Amino acid sequence: MAKRQLNRRQEWRIKKIQDERLSRASGKQSRIVKNIKQLQDTLYHGIVVSHFGASLDVEEAESGIIYRCGLRQNIDSIVCGDKVIWQKIDNLPENELIQGIITALQARSSVLARPDFNGQMKPVAANVDQMLIVTSPVPELNEGLIDRYLVAAELSHIQAVLILNKIDTLSVEQRELLEQRIKVYQDIHYPVIFTSAKTQDGLEKLYSQLANKTSVFVGQSGVGKSSLINAFLPEAQIKEGEVSKKTNKGTHTTSISRLYHLKLKKNIENSQLIDSPGVREFGLWDIQKEDVIHGFVELQQYAHNCRFRNCQHLNEPDCGLLNALEDNKIHPLRLDSYHRIVDSL
């Protein structure tokens, strides 16, 4: 569907709303810093487990106690999974919710980001080991969205795993068709796990995939991310949404990112899961066209065989990708997806 064009007044109104939101957030942040009476000299290490606009929940590294913290204005955007240095606040006024102030952000091993309403890249999660791309038959399997997530994962050096959820809703014939579609990704060595939160199918394999890693769930609204988390973390009590019968799209139930600690089996520690708000679209607006090829693991090896350095892989002579396609070494749907992403930038 073509993207709806906005007139000047609509663009002005959207910008005005965004500016007002930023102004309110900035004002709240200023009040947090102004109300701090005295900071303890002791510095603490912690990890951000949830984000509430101008304040964050930080889990103290040694005790595991969670403190509501403000953020110094000279620190870049902080997200779930970030490791931070913070200080406690002494002499808190009565009814004051802010218990500490974050003073420094530690180096990230990885960061996952997506565009905000203004087209600026906004971090979603940090220090992530793997991205679990959750899909399902309803809303309909969307390979284009999967490929955008895979490009984001590859360029962020994050391992990607595909989860095909709600398999209990499929007939034998329907499952065979979906398995054929998803085999494209298995053939290029992406792990694929078939699950059902309702029947518990595949959860044991998913548990093993989560063990000893920090993972982030991503995917369209309505694919069952919240249901999967509730299946092995019932105390989280995450609200679960349904898919609209009219639009065949899911409803947003997760409004903020949150980090959960998982204790899946005995002797398995240090397993974290970050649940992120569902998105129906995942843009890659901040990357260059020539970088997209690095997000297609099976294509990039053949791109080096092109005669021309600036080959567009369309109809040029001696194109490495077109030759690989002719030799059945790459799948035509993946090459088509590559061109669609490049054309969208």
C-alpha atoms as a PDB file:
ATOM      1  CA  MET A   1       0.000   0.000   0.000  1.00  0.00           C
ATOM      2  CA  ALA A   2       1.378   3.433  -0.942  1.00  0.00           C
ATOM      3  CA  LYS A   3       2.449   5.639   1.915  1.00  0.00           C
ATOM      4  CA  ARG A   4      -0.082   8.399   2.617  1.00  0.00           C
ATOM      5  CA  GLN A   5       1.239  11.872   1.795  1.00  0.00           C
ATOM      6  CA  LEU A   6       0.809  14.543   4.453  1.00  0.00           C
ATOM      7  CA  ASN A   7      -0.023  18.145   3.675  1.00  0.00           C
ATOM      8  CA  ARG A   8       1.921  21.004   5.234  1.00  0.00           C
ATOM      9  CA  ARG A   9      -0.594  21.581   8.009  1.00  0.00           C
ATOM     10  CA  GLN A  10      -0.555  17.915   8.992  1.00  0.00           C
ATOM     11  CA  GLU A  11       3.246  17.887   9.010  1.00  0.00           C
ATOM     12  CA  TRP A  12       3.253  21.064  11.131  1.00  0.00           C
ATOM     13  CA  ARG A  13       0.778  19.566  13.594  1.00  0.00           C
ATOM     14  CA  ILE A  14       2.749  16.323  13.947  1.00  0.00           C
ATOM     15  CA  LYS A  15       5.953  18.297  14.553  1.00  0.00           C
ATOM     16  CA  LYS A  16       4.157  20.530  17.087  1.00  0.00           C
ATOM     17  CA  ILE A  17       2.913  17.498  19.042  1.00  0.00           C
ATOM     18  CA  GLN A  18       6.374  15.934  19.042  1.00  0.00           C
ATOM     19  CA  ASP A  19       7.982  19.193  20.198  1.00  0.00           C
ATOM     20  CA  GLU A  20       5.453  19.487  23.023  1.00  0.00           C
ATOM     21  CA  ARG A  21       6.177  15.929  24.147  1.00  0.00           C
ATOM     22  CA  LEU A  22       9.915  16.578  24.109  1.00  0.00           C
ATOM     23  CA  SER A  23       9.399  19.805  26.048  1.00  0.00           C
ATOM     24  CA  ARG A  24       7.340  18.058  28.733  1.00  0.00           C
ATOM     25  CA  ALA A  25       9.912  15.276  29.062  1.00  0.00           C
ATOM     26  CA  SER A  26      12.733  17.827  29.303  1.00  0.00           C
ATOM     27  CA  GLY A  27      10.833  19.776  31.956  1.00  0.00           C
ATOM     28  CA  LYS A  28      10.209  16.671  34.017  1.00  0.00           C
ATOM     29  CA  GLN A  29      13.874  15.730  33.747  1.00  0.00           C
ATOM     30  CA  SER A  30      14.916  19.193  34.933  1.00  0.00           C
ATOM     31  CA  ARG A  31      12.625  18.936  37.966  1.00  0.00           C
ATOM     32  CA  ILE A  32      14.110  15.540  38.850  1.00  0.00           C
ATOM     33  CA  VAL A  33      17.643  16.926  38.872  1.00  0.00           C
ATOM     34  CA  LYS A  34      16.595  20.127  40.683  1.00  0.00           C
ATOM     35  CA  ASN A  35      14.866  18.195  43.488  1.00  0.00           C
ATOM     36  CA  ILE A  36      17.957  16.157  44.338  1.00  0.00           C
ATOM     37  CA  LYS A  37      19.055  17.339  47.803  1.00  0.00           C
ATOM     38  CA  GLN A  38      22.195  15.319  48.281  1.00  0.00           C
ATOM     39  CA  LEU A  39      23.891  12.423  46.522  1.00  0.00           C
ATOM     40  CA  GLN A  40      25.831   9.745  48.330  1.00  0.00           C
ATOM     41  CA  ASP A  41      29.509   9.644  47.454  1.00  0.00           C
ATOM     42  CA  THR A  42      29.298   5.889  46.810  1.00  0.00           C
ATOM     43  CA  LEU A  43      28.924   4.845  43.178  1.00  0.00           C
ATOM     44  CA  TYR A  44      26.864   1.785  42.322  1.00  0.00           C
ATOM     45  CA  HIS A  45      26.761  -0.473  39.291  1.00  0.00           C
ATOM     46  CA  GLY A  46      23.417  -1.512  37.871  1.00  0.00           C
ATOM     47  CA  ILE A  47      21.414  -2.613  34.849  1.00  0.00           C
ATOM     48  CA  VAL A  48      18.369  -0.813  33.436  1.00  0.00           C
ATOM     49  CA  VAL A  49      15.336  -3.124  33.653  1.00  0.00           C
ATOM     50  CA  SER A  50      12.604  -0.719  32.511  1.00  0.00           C
ATOM     51  CA  HIS A  51      12.168   2.813  31.169  1.00  0.00           C
ATOM     52  CA  PHE A  52       9.423   5.321  32.024  1.00  0.00           C
ATOM     53  CA  GLY A  53      10.310   8.401  30.000  1.00  0.00           C
ATOM     54  CA  ALA A  54      12.247  10.691  32.323  1.00  0.00           C
ATOM     55  CA  SER A  55      12.884   7.973  34.928  1.00  0.00           C
ATOM     56  CA  LEU A  56      14.196   4.420  34.836  1.00  0.00           C
ATOM     57  CA  ASP A  57      14.242   1.325  37.015  1.00  0.00           C
ATOM     58  CA  VAL A  58      17.800   0.237  37.770  1.00  0.00           C
ATOM     59  CA  GLU A  59      18.665  -3.090  39.369  1.00  0.00           C
ATOM     60  CA  GLU A  60      21.613  -2.736  41.716  1.00  0.00           C
ATOM     61  CA  ALA A  61      24.276  -5.232  40.639  1.00  0.00           C
ATOM     62  CA  GLU A  62      25.113  -6.779  44.026  1.00  0.00           C
ATOM     63  CA  SER A  63      21.807  -6.779  45.914  1.00  0.00           C
ATOM     64  CA  GLY A  64      19.389  -7.155  42.999  1.00  0.00           C
ATOM     65  CA  ILE A  65      17.210  -4.409  44.531  1.00  0.00           C
ATOM     66  CA  ILE A  66      15.456  -2.164  42.010  1.00  0.00           C
ATOM     67  CA  TYR A  67      15.680   1.629  42.405  1.00  0.00           C
ATOM     68  CA  ARG A  68      13.771   4.299  40.507  1.00  0.00           C
ATOM     69  CA  CYS A  69      16.391   6.661  39.085  1.00  0.00           C
ATOM     70  CA  GLY A  70      16.568   9.955  37.253  1.00  0.00           C
ATOM     71  CA  LEU A  71      19.021  10.685  34.483  1.00  0.00           C
ATOM     72  CA  ARG A  72      21.611  13.428  34.072  1.00  0.00           C
ATOM     73  CA  GLN A  73      20.837  15.523  31.009  1.00  0.00           C
ATOM     74  CA  ASN A  74      24.277  15.070  29.465  1.00  0.00           C
ATOM     75  CA  ILE A  75      23.829  11.300  29.086  1.00  0.00           C
ATOM     76  CA  ASP A  76      22.664   9.807  25.798  1.00  0.00           C
ATOM     77  CA  SER A  77      19.456   7.789  25.507  1.00  0.00           C
ATOM     78  CA  ILE A  78      19.428   4.852  27.898  1.00  0.00           C
ATOM     79  CA  VAL A  79      17.434   1.671  27.254  1.00  0.00           C
ATOM     80  CA  CYS A  80      16.746  -1.715  28.776  1.00  0.00           C
ATOM     81  CA  GLY A  81      19.884  -3.790  29.101  1.00  0.00           C
ATOM     82  CA  ASP A  82      22.178  -0.793  29.544  1.00  0.00           C
ATOM     83  CA  LYS A  83      24.786  -1.101  32.273  1.00  0.00           C
ATOM     84  CA  VAL A  84      25.087   2.125  34.229  1.00  0.00           C
ATOM     85  CA  ILE A  85      26.843   3.849  37.125  1.00  0.00           C
ATOM     86  CA  TRP A  86      24.481   5.552  39.573  1.00  0.00           C
ATOM     87  CA  GLN A  87      24.304   7.192  42.997  1.00  0.00           C
ATOM     88  CA  LYS A  88      21.675   6.990  45.709  1.00  0.00           C
ATOM     89  CA  ILE A  89      19.919  10.126  46.919  1.00  0.00           C
ATOM     90  CA  ASP A  90      20.002  10.964  50.639  1.00  0.00           C
ATOM     91  CA  ASN A  91      17.363  12.906  52.574  1.00  0.00           C
ATOM     92  CA  LEU A  92      14.557  12.074  50.168  1.00  0.00           C
ATOM     93  CA  PRO A  93      11.471  14.283  50.525  1.00  0.00           C
ATOM     94  CA  GLU A  94       8.308  12.458  51.528  1.00  0.00           C
ATOM     95  CA  ASN A  95       6.473  10.893  48.575  1.00  0.00           C
ATOM     96  CA  GLU A  96       9.559  11.353  46.368  1.00  0.00           C
ATOM     97  CA  LEU A  97       9.744   8.458  43.910  1.00  0.00           C
ATOM     98  CA  ILE A  98      13.239   9.113  42.581  1.00  0.00           C
ATOM     99  CA  GLN A  99      15.773   7.196  44.676  1.00  0.00           C
ATOM    100  CA  GLY A 100      18.928   7.720  42.654  1.00  0.00           C
ATOM    101  CA  ILE A 101      20.529   9.453  39.711  1.00  0.00           C
ATOM    102  CA  ILE A 102      22.346   7.781  36.802  1.00  0.00           C
ATOM    103  CA  THR A 103      25.726   9.435  36.346  1.00  0.00           C
ATOM    104  CA  ALA A 104      27.368   7.371  33.588  1.00  0.00           C
ATOM    105  CA  LEU A 105      26.574   4.894  30.842  1.00  0.00           C
ATOM    106  CA  GLN A 106      28.978   1.993  30.415  1.00  0.00           C
ATOM    107  CA  ALA A 107      30.157   0.821  27.003  1.00  0.00           C
ATOM    108  CA  ARG A 108      27.645  -1.292  25.088  1.00  0.00           C
ATOM    109  CA  SER A 109      28.510  -4.592  23.442  1.00  0.00           C
ATOM    110  CA  SER A 110      25.553  -4.162  21.056  1.00  0.00           C
ATOM    111  CA  VAL A 111      22.541  -1.912  20.551  1.00  0.00           C
ATOM    112  CA  LEU A 112      19.308  -2.461  18.643  1.00  0.00           C
ATOM    113  CA  ALA A 113      17.586   0.672  17.329  1.00  0.00           C
ATOM    114  CA  ARG A 114      14.582   1.621  15.187  1.00  0.00           C
ATOM    115  CA  PRO A 115      13.316   4.924  13.755  1.00  0.00           C
ATOM    116  CA  ASP A 116      11.020   7.147  15.834  1.00  0.00           C
ATOM    117  CA  PHE A 117       8.210   9.380  14.492  1.00  0.00           C
ATOM    118  CA  ASN A 118      10.758  11.938  13.326  1.00  0.00           C
ATOM    119  CA  GLY A 119      12.862   9.405  11.453  1.00  0.00           C
ATOM    120  CA  GLN A 120      15.639   9.565  14.052  1.00  0.00           C
ATOM    121  CA  MET A 121      17.116   6.286  15.242  1.00  0.00           C
ATOM    122  CA  LYS A 122      15.930   5.397  18.732  1.00  0.00           C
ATOM    123  CA  PRO A 123      17.676   2.632  20.748  1.00  0.00           C
ATOM    124  CA  VAL A 124      15.353  -0.204  21.762  1.00  0.00           C
ATOM    125  CA  ALA A 125      17.662  -2.528  23.710  1.00  0.00           C
ATOM    126  CA  ALA A 126      21.351  -2.754  24.597  1.00  0.00           C
ATOM    127  CA  ASN A 127      23.923  -5.474  25.335  1.00  0.00           C
ATOM    128  CA  VAL A 128      21.806  -8.052  23.530  1.00  0.00           C
ATOM    129  CA  ASP A 129      23.234 -11.436  22.495  1.00  0.00           C
ATOM    130  CA  GLN A 130      20.394 -12.557  20.261  1.00  0.00           C
ATOM    131  CA  MET A 131      17.226 -11.303  18.599  1.00  0.00           C
ATOM    132  CA  LEU A 132      14.210 -13.592  18.663  1.00  0.00           C
ATOM    133  CA  ILE A 133      12.040 -12.689  15.674  1.00  0.00           C
ATOM    134  CA  VAL A 134       8.553 -13.908  16.569  1.00  0.00           C
ATOM    135  CA  THR A 135       6.150 -14.581  13.704  1.00  0.00           C
ATOM    136  CA  SER A 136       2.869 -16.446  13.415  1.00  0.00           C
ATOM    137  CA  PRO A 137       0.284 -17.535  10.818  1.00  0.00           C
ATOM    138  CA  VAL A 138      -2.029 -14.779  12.101  1.00  0.00           C
ATOM    139  CA  PRO A 139      -1.175 -11.951  11.437  1.00  0.00           C
ATOM    140  CA  GLU A 140       0.032 -13.475   8.170  1.00  0.00           C
ATOM    141  CA  LEU A 141       3.688 -14.451   7.925  1.00  0.00           C
ATOM    142  CA  ASN A 142       5.581 -11.428   6.583  1.00  0.00           C
ATOM    143  CA  GLU A 143       8.935 -12.341   5.038  1.00  0.00           C
ATOM    144  CA  GLY A 144       9.657  -8.687   4.190  1.00  0.00           C
ATOM    145  CA  LEU A 145       9.484  -7.732   7.858  1.00  0.00           C
ATOM    146  CA  ILE A 146      11.551 -10.774   8.820  1.00  0.00           C
ATOM    147  CA  ASP A 147      14.246  -9.744   6.341  1.00  0.00           C
ATOM    148  CA  ARG A 148      14.369  -6.200   7.739  1.00  0.00           C
ATOM    149  CA  TYR A 149      14.847  -7.602  11.230  1.00  0.00           C
ATOM    150  CA  LEU A 150      17.577  -9.901   9.931  1.00  0.00           C
ATOM    151  CA  VAL A 151      19.392  -6.988   8.306  1.00  0.00           C
ATOM    152  CA  ALA A 152      19.186  -5.051  11.583  1.00  0.00           C
ATOM    153  CA  ALA A 153      20.511  -8.060  13.498  1.00  0.00           C
ATOM    154  CA  GLU A 154      23.400  -8.711  11.114  1.00  0.00           C
ATOM    155  CA  LEU A 155      24.486  -5.071  11.010  1.00  0.00           C
ATOM    156  CA  SER A 156      24.268  -4.910  14.820  1.00  0.00           C
ATOM    157  CA  HIS A 157      26.247  -8.173  15.171  1.00  0.00           C
ATOM    158  CA  ILE A 158      23.378  -9.817  17.041  1.00  0.00           C
ATOM    159  CA  GLN A 159      22.483 -13.475  16.480  1.00  0.00           C
ATOM    160  CA  ALA A 160      19.015 -13.916  14.967  1.00  0.00           C
ATOM    161  CA  VAL A 161      16.567 -16.719  15.738  1.00  0.00           C
ATOM    162  CA  LEU A 162      13.149 -17.173  14.080  1.00  0.00           C
ATOM    163  CA  ILE A 163      10.187 -18.232  16.221  1.00  0.00           C
ATOM    164  CA  LEU A 164       7.087 -19.428  14.365  1.00  0.00           C
ATOM    165  CA  ASN A 165       4.410 -19.226  17.057  1.00  0.00           C
ATOM    166  CA  LYS A 166       0.745 -20.355  17.214  1.00  0.00           C
ATOM    167  CA  ILE A 167       1.392 -23.602  15.364  1.00  0.00           C
ATOM    168  CA  ASP A 168      -1.605 -25.076  17.216  1.00  0.00           C
ATOM    169  CA  THR A 169      -3.849 -23.050  14.886  1.00  0.00           C
ATOM    170  CA  LEU A 170      -2.569 -24.820  11.768  1.00  0.00           C
ATOM    171  CA  SER A 171      -3.902 -27.831   9.932  1.00  0.00           C
ATOM    172  CA  VAL A 172      -1.398 -30.398   8.661  1.00  0.00           C
ATOM    173  CA  GLU A 173      -1.556 -28.899   5.161  1.00  0.00           C
ATOM    174  CA  GLN A 174      -1.173 -25.323   6.418  1.00  0.00           C
ATOM    175  CA  ARG A 175       1.856 -26.242   8.519  1.00  0.00           C
ATOM    176  CA  GLU A 176       3.512 -27.942   5.549  1.00  0.00           C
ATOM    177  CA  LEU A 177       3.076 -24.780   3.462  1.00  0.00           C
ATOM    178  CA  LEU A 178       4.512 -22.560   6.212  1.00  0.00           C
ATOM    179  CA  GLU A 179       7.430 -24.924   6.736  1.00  0.00           C
ATOM    180  CA  GLN A 180       8.235 -24.607   3.033  1.00  0.00           C
ATOM    181  CA  ARG A 181       8.239 -20.804   3.317  1.00  0.00           C
ATOM    182  CA  ILE A 182      10.347 -20.755   6.461  1.00  0.00           C
ATOM    183  CA  LYS A 183      12.808 -23.309   5.016  1.00  0.00           C
ATOM    184  CA  VAL A 184      14.360 -20.433   3.064  1.00  0.00           C
ATOM    185  CA  TYR A 185      15.835 -19.237   6.366  1.00  0.00           C
ATOM    186  CA  GLN A 186      16.794 -22.671   7.633  1.00  0.00           C
ATOM    187  CA  ASP A 187      18.763 -23.224   4.425  1.00  0.00           C
ATOM    188  CA  ILE A 188      20.925 -20.197   5.242  1.00  0.00           C
ATOM    189  CA  HIS A 189      21.464 -21.502   8.782  1.00  0.00           C
ATOM    190  CA  TYR A 190      19.145 -19.329  10.837  1.00  0.00           C
ATOM    191  CA  PRO A 191      17.712 -21.323  13.759  1.00  0.00           C
ATOM    192  CA  VAL A 192      13.939 -21.763  13.487  1.00  0.00           C
ATOM    193  CA  ILE A 193      11.780 -22.858  16.431  1.00  0.00           C
ATOM    194  CA  PHE A 194       8.106 -23.805  16.096  1.00  0.00           C
ATOM    195  CA  THR A 195       6.138 -22.961  19.230  1.00  0.00           C
ATOM    196  CA  SER A 196       2.702 -22.719  20.783  1.00  0.00           C
ATOM    197  CA  ALA A 197       2.192 -20.955  24.092  1.00  0.00           C
ATOM    198  CA  LYS A 198      -1.235 -22.609  24.294  1.00  0.00           C
ATOM    199  CA  THR A 199      -0.117 -26.241  23.890  1.00  0.00           C
ATOM    200  CA  GLN A 200       3.490 -25.730  25.165  1.00  0.00           C
ATOM    201  CA  ASP A 201       4.883 -27.156  21.913  1.00  0.00           C
ATOM    202  CA  GLY A 202       8.473 -26.134  21.269  1.00  0.00           C
ATOM    203  CA  LEU A 203       8.931 -24.339  24.600  1.00  0.00           C
ATOM    204  CA  GLU A 204      11.643 -26.734  25.783  1.00  0.00           C
ATOM    205  CA  LYS A 205      13.709 -25.934  22.679  1.00  0.00           C
ATOM    206  CA  LEU A 206      13.038 -22.232  23.178  1.00  0.00           C
ATOM    207  CA  TYR A 207      14.204 -22.498  26.815  1.00  0.00           C
ATOM    208  CA  SER A 208      17.510 -23.951  25.653  1.00  0.00           C
ATOM    209  CA  GLN A 209      17.940 -21.141  23.117  1.00  0.00           C
ATOM    210  CA  LEU A 210      17.416 -18.523  25.848  1.00  0.00           C
ATOM    211  CA  ALA A 211      19.834 -20.074  28.350  1.00  0.00           C
ATOM    212  CA  ASN A 212      22.781 -17.931  29.455  1.00  0.00           C
ATOM    213  CA  LYS A 213      22.021 -15.135  26.976  1.00  0.00           C
ATOM    214  CA  THR A 214      20.393 -11.725  26.916  1.00  0.00           C
ATOM    215  CA  SER A 215      17.665 -11.933  24.291  1.00  0.00           C
ATOM    216  CA  VAL A 216      15.199  -9.454  22.830  1.00  0.00           C
ATOM    217  CA  PHE A 217      11.777 -10.362  21.477  1.00  0.00           C
ATOM    218  CA  VAL A 218      10.703  -8.458  18.362  1.00  0.00           C
ATOM    219  CA  GLY A 219       7.868  -8.878  15.908  1.00  0.00           C
ATOM    220  CA  GLN A 220       4.497  -7.624  14.795  1.00  0.00           C
ATOM    221  CA  SER A 221       1.783  -6.993  17.339  1.00  0.00           C
ATOM    222  CA  GLY A 222      -0.411 -10.027  17.770  1.00  0.00           C
ATOM    223  CA  VAL A 223       2.160 -12.736  17.018  1.00  0.00           C
ATOM    224  CA  GLY A 224       2.171 -13.897  20.648  1.00  0.00           C
ATOM    225  CA  LYS A 225       5.349 -12.461  22.196  1.00  0.00           C
ATOM    226  CA  SER A 226       3.544 -11.716  25.464  1.00  0.00           C
ATOM    227  CA  SER A 227       1.898 -15.149  25.478  1.00  0.00           C
ATOM    228  CA  LEU A 228       5.275 -16.868  25.137  1.00  0.00           C
ATOM    229  CA  ILE A 229       6.761 -14.842  27.982  1.00  0.00           C
ATOM    230  CA  ASN A 230       3.782 -15.608  30.207  1.00  0.00           C
ATOM    231  CA  ALA A 231       4.161 -19.304  29.390  1.00  0.00           C
ATOM    232  CA  PHE A 232       7.520 -19.568  31.124  1.00  0.00           C
ATOM    233  CA  LEU A 233       7.344 -16.463  33.311  1.00  0.00           C
ATOM    234  CA  PRO A 234       3.751 -16.459  34.628  1.00  0.00           C
ATOM    235  CA  GLU A 235       4.554 -14.020  37.419  1.00  0.00           C
ATOM    236  CA  ALA A 236       5.155 -11.339  34.780  1.00  0.00           C
ATOM    237  CA  GLN A 237       1.405 -11.316  34.029  1.00  0.00           C
ATOM    238  CA  ILE A 238       1.881  -9.472  30.742  1.00  0.00           C
ATOM    239  CA  LYS A 239      -1.328  -8.349  29.064  1.00  0.00           C
ATOM    240  CA  GLU A 240      -2.019 -10.376  25.935  1.00  0.00           C
ATOM    241  CA  GLY A 241      -3.677  -8.853  22.888  1.00  0.00           C
ATOM    242  CA  GLU A 242      -5.773 -10.321  20.110  1.00  0.00           C
ATOM    243  CA  VAL A 243      -5.663 -10.020  16.345  1.00  0.00           C
ATOM    244  CA  SER A 244      -8.374  -7.841  14.843  1.00  0.00           C
ATOM    245  CA  LYS A 245     -10.720  -9.862  12.621  1.00  0.00           C
ATOM    246  CA  LYS A 246     -11.348  -6.742  10.553  1.00  0.00           C
ATOM    247  CA  THR A 247      -7.760  -5.699   9.848  1.00  0.00           C
ATOM    248  CA  ASN A 248      -5.960  -9.000  10.566  1.00  0.00           C
ATOM    249  CA  LYS A 249      -3.438  -6.986  12.619  1.00  0.00           C
ATOM    250  CA  GLY A 250      -2.479  -7.302  16.238  1.00  0.00           C
ATOM    251  CA  THR A 251      -3.187  -4.820  18.995  1.00  0.00           C
ATOM    252  CA  HIS A 252      -0.308  -3.256  20.919  1.00  0.00           C
ATOM    253  CA  THR A 253      -0.144  -4.608  24.489  1.00  0.00           C
ATOM    254  CA  THR A 254       3.482  -3.793  25.370  1.00  0.00           C
ATOM    255  CA  SER A 255       3.972  -0.031  25.730  1.00  0.00           C
ATOM    256  CA  ILE A 256       7.447  -0.014  27.307  1.00  0.00           C
ATOM    257  CA  SER A 257      10.502  -2.211  27.064  1.00  0.00           C
ATOM    258  CA  ARG A 258      11.193  -4.351  30.109  1.00  0.00           C
ATOM    259  CA  LEU A 259      13.982  -6.741  31.078  1.00  0.00           C
ATOM    260  CA  TYR A 260      13.061 -10.009  32.790  1.00  0.00           C
ATOM    261  CA  HIS A 261      15.410 -12.405  34.554  1.00  0.00           C
ATOM    262  CA  LEU A 262      14.799 -16.011  33.609  1.00  0.00           C
ATOM    263  CA  LYS A 263      15.613 -19.031  35.717  1.00  0.00           C
ATOM    264  CA  LEU A 264      14.783 -21.733  33.259  1.00  0.00           C
ATOM    265  CA  LYS A 265      16.452 -24.788  34.782  1.00  0.00           C
ATOM    266  CA  LYS A 266      18.786 -25.690  37.596  1.00  0.00           C
ATOM    267  CA  ASN A 267      22.322 -24.384  37.202  1.00  0.00           C
ATOM    268  CA  ILE A 268      21.247 -21.993  34.442  1.00  0.00           C
ATOM    269  CA  GLU A 269      21.832 -18.399  35.481  1.00  0.00           C
ATOM    270  CA  ASN A 270      22.361 -15.081  33.764  1.00  0.00           C
ATOM    271  CA  SER A 271      19.487 -15.474  31.305  1.00  0.00           C
ATOM    272  CA  GLN A 272      17.656 -12.252  30.491  1.00  0.00           C
ATOM    273  CA  LEU A 273      14.827 -11.418  28.150  1.00  0.00           C
ATOM    274  CA  ILE A 274      13.878  -7.944  26.903  1.00  0.00           C
ATOM    275  CA  ASP A 275      10.306  -7.532  25.716  1.00  0.00           C
ATOM    276  CA  SER A 276       9.975  -4.627  23.297  1.00  0.00           C
ATOM    277  CA  PRO A 277       6.832  -2.865  22.018  1.00  0.00           C
ATOM    278  CA  GLY A 278       5.438  -4.612  18.956  1.00  0.00           C
ATOM    279  CA  VAL A 279       5.941  -2.874  15.647  1.00  0.00           C
ATOM    280  CA  ARG A 280       4.117  -3.509  12.388  1.00  0.00           C
ATOM    281  CA  GLU A 281       6.927  -1.957  10.378  1.00  0.00           C
ATOM    282  CA  PHE A 282      10.644  -1.931  11.006  1.00  0.00           C
ATOM    283  CA  GLY A 283      12.539   0.734   9.090  1.00  0.00           C
ATOM    284  CA  LEU A 284      16.192   0.740   8.144  1.00  0.00           C
ATOM    285  CA  TRP A 285      16.396   4.396   7.279  1.00  0.00           C
ATOM    286  CA  ASP A 286      19.742   5.090   8.891  1.00  0.00           C
ATOM    287  CA  ILE A 287      21.831   2.734   6.756  1.00  0.00           C
ATOM    288  CA  GLN A 288      23.406   3.237   3.370  1.00  0.00           C
ATOM    289  CA  LYS A 289      22.210   1.270   0.347  1.00  0.00           C
ATOM    290  CA  GLU A 290      25.601  -0.353  -0.077  1.00  0.00           C
ATOM    291  CA  ASP A 291      25.424  -1.719   3.490  1.00  0.00           C
ATOM    292  CA  VAL A 292      22.203  -3.684   2.935  1.00  0.00           C
ATOM    293  CA  ILE A 293      24.071  -6.519   1.234  1.00  0.00           C
ATOM    294  CA  HIS A 294      25.895  -7.206   4.525  1.00  0.00           C
ATOM    295  CA  GLY A 295      22.534  -7.994   6.104  1.00  0.00           C
ATOM    296  CA  PHE A 296      21.917 -10.820   3.627  1.00  0.00           C
ATOM    297  CA  VAL A 297      24.438 -13.419   4.761  1.00  0.00           C
ATOM    298  CA  GLU A 298      24.074 -15.712   1.751  1.00  0.00           C
ATOM    299  CA  LEU A 299      24.134 -12.915  -0.853  1.00  0.00           C
ATOM    300  CA  GLN A 300      27.177 -10.938   0.202  1.00  0.00           C
ATOM    301  CA  GLN A 301      29.654 -13.707  -0.658  1.00  0.00           C
ATOM    302  CA  TYR A 302      28.541 -13.612  -4.310  1.00  0.00           C
ATOM    303  CA  ALA A 303      28.426  -9.822  -4.538  1.00  0.00           C
ATOM    304  CA  HIS A 304      32.240  -9.835  -4.488  1.00  0.00           C
ATOM    305  CA  ASN A 305      32.223 -11.663  -7.831  1.00  0.00           C
ATOM    306  CA  CYS A 306      30.604  -8.810  -9.769  1.00  0.00           C
ATOM    307  CA  ARG A 307      32.575  -7.304 -12.644  1.00  0.00           C
ATOM    308  CA  PHE A 308      31.590  -3.762 -11.677  1.00  0.00           C
ATOM    309  CA  ARG A 309      32.219  -2.302  -8.237  1.00  0.00           C
ATOM    310  CA  ASN A 310      28.971  -0.302  -8.385  1.00  0.00           C
ATOM    311  CA  CYS A 311      26.888  -3.224  -9.679  1.00  0.00           C
ATOM    312  CA  GLN A 312      23.185  -2.865  -8.826  1.00  0.00           C
ATOM    313  CA  HIS A 313      22.551  -6.610  -9.307  1.00  0.00           C
ATOM    314  CA  LEU A 314      19.704  -5.987 -11.744  1.00  0.00           C
ATOM    315  CA  ASN A 315      20.778  -6.778 -15.311  1.00  0.00           C
ATOM    316  CA  GLU A 316      24.502  -5.989 -15.431  1.00  0.00           C
ATOM    317  CA  PRO A 317      26.817  -8.444 -17.226  1.00  0.00           C
ATOM    318  CA  ASP A 318      28.895 -10.776 -15.029  1.00  0.00           C
ATOM    319  CA  CYS A 319      26.883  -9.945 -11.902  1.00  0.00           C
ATOM    320  CA  GLY A 320      27.843 -12.284  -9.080  1.00  0.00           C
ATOM    321  CA  LEU A 321      24.339 -12.366  -7.615  1.00  0.00           C
ATOM    322  CA  LEU A 322      22.590 -12.974 -10.943  1.00  0.00           C
ATOM    323  CA  ASN A 323      25.042 -15.763 -11.757  1.00  0.00           C
ATOM    324  CA  ALA A 324      24.420 -17.320  -8.320  1.00  0.00           C
ATOM    325  CA  LEU A 325      20.673 -17.042  -8.895  1.00  0.00           C
ATOM    326  CA  GLU A 326      20.980 -18.799 -12.249  1.00  0.00           C
ATOM    327  CA  ASP A 327      22.996 -21.581 -10.566  1.00  0.00           C
ATOM    328  CA  ASN A 328      20.300 -21.947  -7.839  1.00  0.00           C
ATOM    329  CA  LYS A 329      22.771 -20.950  -5.130  1.00  0.00           C
ATOM    330  CA  ILE A 330      20.515 -18.201  -3.757  1.00  0.00           C
ATOM    331  CA  HIS A 331      16.737 -18.009  -3.422  1.00  0.00           C
ATOM    332  CA  PRO A 332      14.932 -15.590  -5.778  1.00  0.00           C
ATOM    333  CA  LEU A 333      12.636 -14.368  -2.971  1.00  0.00           C
ATOM    334  CA  ARG A 334      15.622 -13.274  -0.904  1.00  0.00           C
ATOM    335  CA  LEU A 335      17.137 -11.411  -3.855  1.00  0.00           C
ATOM    336  CA  ASP A 336      13.775  -9.708  -4.451  1.00  0.00           C
ATOM    337  CA  SER A 337      13.621  -8.756  -0.766  1.00  0.00           C
ATOM    338  CA  TYR A 338      17.120  -7.288  -0.980  1.00  0.00           C
ATOM    339  CA  HIS A 339      16.072  -5.067  -3.899  1.00  0.00           C
ATOM    340  CA  ARG A 340      12.900  -3.924  -2.098  1.00  0.00           C
ATOM    341  CA  ILE A 341      14.869  -2.848   0.956  1.00  0.00           C
ATOM    342  CA  VAL A 342      17.457  -1.016  -1.164  1.00  0.00           C
ATOM    343  CA  ASP A 343      14.692   0.735  -3.110  1.00  0.00           C
ATOM    344  CA  SER A 344      13.056   1.857   0.155  1.00  0.00           C
ATOM    345  CA  LEU A 345      16.153   3.721   1.358  1.00  0.00           C
END
